[in-house]
């Protein structure tokens, strides 16, 4: 399925849009990490929880559970919040 990558993570993929597969968001992230080593750790912590600055959207709806089911035709968007001041 199509996955849109946020600008701060382009150093891993070199592309804004990539292809990955998985029956759940967790499996999708594992596939992304196989293709782009290190990417998963930037979005998921050591306890397999979404990092606070990350947002996940499936078919333009925000998802809060990494066990969320996915279909091959879904579109996934990873969004990284920026902070500072």
C-alpha atoms as a PDB file:
ATOM      1  CA  UNK A   1       0.000   0.000   0.000  1.00  0.00           C
ATOM      2  CA  UNK A   2       0.986   3.629  -0.403  1.00  0.00           C
ATOM      3  CA  UNK A   3       2.679   5.269   2.593  1.00  0.00           C
ATOM      4  CA  UNK A   4       3.411   9.000   2.747  1.00  0.00           C
ATOM      5  CA  UNK A   5       6.557   9.840   4.701  1.00  0.00           C
ATOM      6  CA  UNK A   6       6.989  13.098   6.650  1.00  0.00           C
ATOM      7  CA  UNK A   7       9.829  15.414   5.656  1.00  0.00           C
ATOM      8  CA  UNK A   8      11.904  14.783   8.835  1.00  0.00           C
ATOM      9  CA  UNK A   9      12.093  11.063   7.930  1.00  0.00           C
ATOM     10  CA  UNK A  10      13.034  11.465   4.259  1.00  0.00           C
ATOM     11  CA  UNK A  11      16.657  10.767   5.156  1.00  0.00           C
ATOM     12  CA  UNK A  12      15.575   7.123   5.572  1.00  0.00           C
ATOM     13  CA  UNK A  13      13.508   6.690   2.414  1.00  0.00           C
ATOM     14  CA  UNK A  14      14.762   9.425   0.058  1.00  0.00           C
ATOM     15  CA  UNK A  15      11.184   9.449  -1.248  1.00  0.00           C
ATOM     16  CA  UNK A  16       8.006  11.144  -0.052  1.00  0.00           C
ATOM     17  CA  UNK A  17       5.826   8.191  -1.063  1.00  0.00           C
ATOM     18  CA  UNK A  18       6.825   4.540  -0.638  1.00  0.00           C
ATOM     19  CA  UNK A  19       5.162   1.138  -0.860  1.00  0.00           C
ATOM     20  CA  UNK A  20       4.865  -1.257   2.087  1.00  0.00           C
ATOM     21  CA  UNK A  21       2.602  -4.080   3.199  1.00  0.00           C
ATOM     22  CA  UNK A  22       1.106  -5.474   6.380  1.00  0.00           C
ATOM     23  CA  UNK A  23      -2.188  -6.661   7.837  1.00  0.00           C
ATOM     24  CA  UNK A  24      -1.845  -4.169  10.720  1.00  0.00           C
ATOM     25  CA  UNK A  25      -0.134  -0.855  11.238  1.00  0.00           C
ATOM     26  CA  UNK A  26       2.518  -2.679  13.325  1.00  0.00           C
ATOM     27  CA  UNK A  27       3.253  -5.075  10.439  1.00  0.00           C
ATOM     28  CA  UNK A  28       3.384  -2.166   8.018  1.00  0.00           C
ATOM     29  CA  UNK A  29       5.969  -0.428  10.211  1.00  0.00           C
ATOM     30  CA  UNK A  30       7.990  -3.650  10.401  1.00  0.00           C
ATOM     31  CA  UNK A  31       7.971  -3.855   6.586  1.00  0.00           C
ATOM     32  CA  UNK A  32       9.037  -0.215   6.339  1.00  0.00           C
ATOM     33  CA  UNK A  33      11.879  -0.941   8.769  1.00  0.00           C
ATOM     34  CA  UNK A  34      13.019  -3.905   6.665  1.00  0.00           C
ATOM     35  CA  UNK A  35      13.179  -1.637   3.625  1.00  0.00           C
ATOM     36  CA  UNK A  36      14.462   1.449   5.462  1.00  0.00           C
ATOM     37  CA  UNK A  37      16.383   0.347   8.581  1.00  0.00           C
ATOM     38  CA  UNK A  38      15.937   2.613  11.579  1.00  0.00           C
ATOM     39  CA  UNK A  39      12.692   4.228  10.445  1.00  0.00           C
ATOM     40  CA  UNK A  40      10.439   2.239  12.799  1.00  0.00           C
ATOM     41  CA  UNK A  41      12.367   3.333  15.891  1.00  0.00           C
ATOM     42  CA  UNK A  42      11.731   6.964  14.960  1.00  0.00           C
ATOM     43  CA  UNK A  43       7.938   6.418  15.104  1.00  0.00           C
ATOM     44  CA  UNK A  44       7.519   3.590  17.673  1.00  0.00           C
ATOM     45  CA  UNK A  45       9.234   3.413  21.074  1.00  0.00           C
ATOM     46  CA  UNK A  46      10.810   0.449  22.889  1.00  0.00           C
ATOM     47  CA  UNK A  47       7.416  -0.568  24.340  1.00  0.00           C
ATOM     48  CA  UNK A  48       5.831  -0.678  20.859  1.00  0.00           C
ATOM     49  CA  UNK A  49       3.880   2.523  21.494  1.00  0.00           C
ATOM     50  CA  UNK A  50       3.495   5.404  19.095  1.00  0.00           C
ATOM     51  CA  UNK A  51       5.916   8.178  19.917  1.00  0.00           C
ATOM     52  CA  UNK A  52       4.112  11.285  21.238  1.00  0.00           C
ATOM     53  CA  UNK A  53       5.162  13.444  18.296  1.00  0.00           C
ATOM     54  CA  UNK A  54       3.884  10.992  15.660  1.00  0.00           C
ATOM     55  CA  UNK A  55       0.421  10.796  14.124  1.00  0.00           C
ATOM     56  CA  UNK A  56      -0.876   8.018  11.907  1.00  0.00           C
ATOM     57  CA  UNK A  57      -3.673   8.383   9.374  1.00  0.00           C
ATOM     58  CA  UNK A  58      -5.292   5.528   7.473  1.00  0.00           C
ATOM     59  CA  UNK A  59      -7.489   6.637   4.594  1.00  0.00           C
ATOM     60  CA  UNK A  60      -7.345  10.195   6.016  1.00  0.00           C
ATOM     61  CA  UNK A  61      -8.640   9.155   9.471  1.00  0.00           C
ATOM     62  CA  UNK A  62      -6.371   9.351  12.509  1.00  0.00           C
ATOM     63  CA  UNK A  63      -5.512   5.985  14.054  1.00  0.00           C
ATOM     64  CA  UNK A  64      -4.347   5.634  17.660  1.00  0.00           C
ATOM     65  CA  UNK A  65      -3.773   1.856  17.835  1.00  0.00           C
ATOM     66  CA  UNK A  66      -0.834   0.210  16.059  1.00  0.00           C
ATOM     67  CA  UNK A  67      -2.816  -3.039  15.913  1.00  0.00           C
ATOM     68  CA  UNK A  68      -5.284  -1.275  13.582  1.00  0.00           C
ATOM     69  CA  UNK A  69      -6.172  -3.563  10.643  1.00  0.00           C
ATOM     70  CA  UNK A  70      -5.075  -2.560   7.166  1.00  0.00           C
ATOM     71  CA  UNK A  71      -6.137  -3.550   3.659  1.00  0.00           C
ATOM     72  CA  UNK A  72      -3.888  -3.578   0.564  1.00  0.00           C
ATOM     73  CA  UNK A  73      -5.844  -0.670  -0.930  1.00  0.00           C
ATOM     74  CA  UNK A  74      -5.451   1.575   2.149  1.00  0.00           C
ATOM     75  CA  UNK A  75      -3.429   4.757   2.158  1.00  0.00           C
ATOM     76  CA  UNK A  76      -1.264   5.475   5.204  1.00  0.00           C
ATOM     77  CA  UNK A  77       0.142   8.862   6.140  1.00  0.00           C
ATOM     78  CA  UNK A  78       2.808   9.306   8.810  1.00  0.00           C
ATOM     79  CA  UNK A  79       2.859  12.807  10.279  1.00  0.00           C
ATOM     80  CA  UNK A  80       5.563  14.086  12.581  1.00  0.00           C
ATOM     81  CA  UNK A  81       4.635  17.067  14.736  1.00  0.00           C
ATOM     82  CA  UNK A  82       7.244  19.772  14.976  1.00  0.00           C
ATOM     83  CA  UNK A  83       7.802  21.692  18.160  1.00  0.00           C
ATOM     84  CA  UNK A  84       9.943  24.501  19.322  1.00  0.00           C
ATOM     85  CA  UNK A  85       9.654  28.116  19.995  1.00  0.00           C
END
